[in-house]
Amino acid sequence: MAKKGQAREYVFLECTVCGRRNYRTSKNMKAGYKLELKKYCRWDRQHTVHKERKK
């Protein structure tokens, strides 16, 4: 949870193919959108779309 006065929080990036949470990154919580990035999944051995998931 973000501390008082801070607008950043950690979120996990989950692979849309295998469902594993491979990455953790910080995000500006004031932004009104979910993070979606194309990252490398070592279990699928390819670049796949990773979507934001909470802890």
N, C-alpha and C. Protein backbone atom coordinates (compact mmCIF):
# COMPACT_ATOMS: atom_id res chain seq x y z
N MET A 1 0.84 -1.17 0.00
CA MET A 1 0.00 0.00 0.00
C MET A 1 0.89 1.24 0.00
N ALA A 2 0.47 2.22 -0.74
CA ALA A 2 1.24 3.44 -0.82
C ALA A 2 1.13 4.23 0.48
N LYS A 3 2.24 4.84 0.87
CA LYS A 3 2.25 5.66 2.08
C LYS A 3 1.54 6.98 1.81
N LYS A 4 1.19 7.66 2.89
CA LYS A 4 0.51 8.93 2.75
C LYS A 4 1.39 9.92 2.01
N GLY A 5 0.85 10.54 1.00
CA GLY A 5 1.60 11.51 0.22
C GLY A 5 2.32 10.90 -0.98
N GLN A 6 2.34 9.58 -1.09
CA GLN A 6 2.99 8.93 -2.22
C GLN A 6 1.94 8.39 -3.18
N ALA A 7 2.21 8.49 -4.45
CA ALA A 7 1.26 8.06 -5.45
C ALA A 7 1.75 6.84 -6.22
N ARG A 8 2.79 6.15 -5.71
CA ARG A 8 3.33 4.98 -6.40
C ARG A 8 3.12 3.74 -5.55
N GLU A 9 2.86 2.62 -6.22
CA GLU A 9 2.65 1.36 -5.54
C GLU A 9 3.18 0.24 -6.41
N TYR A 10 3.62 -0.86 -5.79
CA TYR A 10 4.12 -2.01 -6.54
C TYR A 10 2.97 -2.84 -7.07
N VAL A 11 3.09 -3.28 -8.31
CA VAL A 11 2.13 -4.18 -8.94
C VAL A 11 2.92 -5.31 -9.61
N PHE A 12 2.28 -6.44 -9.79
CA PHE A 12 2.88 -7.58 -10.46
C PHE A 12 2.39 -7.64 -11.90
N LEU A 13 3.27 -8.08 -12.80
CA LEU A 13 2.89 -8.28 -14.19
C LEU A 13 2.74 -9.78 -14.42
N GLU A 14 1.55 -10.19 -14.84
CA GLU A 14 1.21 -11.60 -15.01
C GLU A 14 1.12 -11.93 -16.50
N CYS A 15 1.75 -13.04 -16.89
CA CYS A 15 1.73 -13.49 -18.28
C CYS A 15 0.32 -13.90 -18.66
N THR A 16 -0.15 -13.48 -19.84
CA THR A 16 -1.50 -13.83 -20.27
C THR A 16 -1.57 -15.25 -20.83
N VAL A 17 -0.42 -15.84 -21.17
CA VAL A 17 -0.40 -17.19 -21.74
C VAL A 17 -0.34 -18.25 -20.64
N CYS A 18 0.66 -18.16 -19.76
CA CYS A 18 0.84 -19.20 -18.74
C CYS A 18 0.23 -18.82 -17.39
N GLY A 19 -0.02 -17.52 -17.15
CA GLY A 19 -0.63 -17.09 -15.91
C GLY A 19 0.32 -16.88 -14.75
N ARG A 20 1.62 -16.97 -14.99
CA ARG A 20 2.60 -16.77 -13.91
C ARG A 20 2.94 -15.30 -13.77
N ARG A 21 3.24 -14.91 -12.54
CA ARG A 21 3.61 -13.53 -12.25
C ARG A 21 5.13 -13.43 -12.32
N ASN A 22 5.64 -12.87 -13.40
CA ASN A 22 7.07 -12.87 -13.68
C ASN A 22 7.79 -11.59 -13.28
N TYR A 23 7.10 -10.47 -13.23
CA TYR A 23 7.74 -9.19 -13.00
C TYR A 23 7.01 -8.40 -11.92
N ARG A 24 7.76 -7.54 -11.20
CA ARG A 24 7.19 -6.61 -10.24
C ARG A 24 7.70 -5.24 -10.60
N THR A 25 6.82 -4.26 -10.66
CA THR A 25 7.21 -2.91 -11.02
C THR A 25 6.38 -1.92 -10.23
N SER A 26 6.81 -0.67 -10.18
CA SER A 26 6.03 0.36 -9.50
C SER A 26 5.19 1.10 -10.53
N LYS A 27 4.06 1.61 -10.07
CA LYS A 27 3.12 2.27 -10.97
C LYS A 27 2.54 3.49 -10.28
N ASN A 28 2.31 4.53 -11.02
CA ASN A 28 1.63 5.71 -10.51
C ASN A 28 0.16 5.36 -10.34
N MET A 29 -0.32 5.37 -9.10
CA MET A 29 -1.69 4.92 -8.82
C MET A 29 -2.73 5.97 -9.20
N LYS A 30 -2.30 7.18 -9.49
CA LYS A 30 -3.25 8.21 -9.92
C LYS A 30 -3.68 7.99 -11.36
N ALA A 31 -2.90 7.23 -12.10
CA ALA A 31 -3.24 6.93 -13.49
C ALA A 31 -4.45 5.99 -13.49
N GLY A 32 -5.39 6.24 -14.34
CA GLY A 32 -6.63 5.48 -14.33
C GLY A 32 -6.65 4.33 -15.33
N TYR A 33 -5.53 3.66 -15.52
CA TYR A 33 -5.49 2.55 -16.48
C TYR A 33 -4.67 1.41 -15.91
N LYS A 34 -4.87 0.20 -16.45
CA LYS A 34 -4.07 -0.96 -16.05
C LYS A 34 -2.88 -1.08 -16.98
N LEU A 35 -1.75 -1.43 -16.38
CA LEU A 35 -0.51 -1.57 -17.12
C LEU A 35 -0.54 -2.84 -17.96
N GLU A 36 -0.08 -2.75 -19.22
CA GLU A 36 -0.03 -3.89 -20.12
C GLU A 36 1.22 -3.74 -20.99
N LEU A 37 2.19 -4.65 -20.79
CA LEU A 37 3.47 -4.56 -21.50
C LEU A 37 3.80 -5.89 -22.15
N LYS A 38 4.57 -5.83 -23.22
CA LYS A 38 5.06 -7.05 -23.87
C LYS A 38 6.43 -7.36 -23.29
N LYS A 39 6.53 -8.44 -22.51
CA LYS A 39 7.75 -8.82 -21.81
C LYS A 39 8.10 -10.27 -22.13
N TYR A 40 9.33 -10.66 -21.78
CA TYR A 40 9.78 -12.03 -22.02
C TYR A 40 9.30 -12.95 -20.90
N CYS A 41 8.70 -14.08 -21.26
CA CYS A 41 8.28 -15.09 -20.29
C CYS A 41 9.24 -16.27 -20.42
N ARG A 42 9.97 -16.57 -19.34
CA ARG A 42 10.98 -17.62 -19.44
C ARG A 42 10.37 -19.02 -19.45
N TRP A 43 9.11 -19.16 -19.04
CA TRP A 43 8.47 -20.48 -19.09
C TRP A 43 7.93 -20.77 -20.49
N ASP A 44 7.47 -19.74 -21.18
CA ASP A 44 7.00 -19.91 -22.56
C ASP A 44 8.13 -19.73 -23.57
N ARG A 45 9.24 -19.14 -23.11
CA ARG A 45 10.41 -18.86 -23.94
C ARG A 45 10.09 -17.98 -25.15
N GLN A 46 9.27 -16.96 -24.91
CA GLN A 46 8.93 -16.02 -25.96
C GLN A 46 8.40 -14.73 -25.32
N HIS A 47 8.31 -13.69 -26.12
CA HIS A 47 7.75 -12.44 -25.63
C HIS A 47 6.23 -12.54 -25.69
N THR A 48 5.58 -12.27 -24.57
CA THR A 48 4.12 -12.32 -24.48
C THR A 48 3.63 -11.06 -23.78
N VAL A 49 2.33 -10.83 -23.87
CA VAL A 49 1.72 -9.68 -23.19
C VAL A 49 1.59 -10.01 -21.71
N HIS A 50 2.02 -9.09 -20.87
CA HIS A 50 1.90 -9.22 -19.42
C HIS A 50 0.98 -8.11 -18.93
N LYS A 51 -0.03 -8.47 -18.14
CA LYS A 51 -0.99 -7.50 -17.62
C LYS A 51 -0.80 -7.31 -16.13
N GLU A 52 -1.20 -6.15 -15.66
CA GLU A 52 -1.06 -5.80 -14.26
C GLU A 52 -2.02 -6.61 -13.39
N ARG A 53 -1.49 -7.10 -12.26
CA ARG A 53 -2.30 -7.79 -11.26
C ARG A 53 -1.87 -7.27 -9.89
N LYS A 54 -2.80 -7.19 -8.97
CA LYS A 54 -2.48 -6.78 -7.60
C LYS A 54 -1.82 -7.94 -6.88
N LYS A 55 -1.31 -7.70 -5.68
CA LYS A 55 -0.63 -8.72 -4.89
C LYS A 55 -1.53 -9.83 -4.58
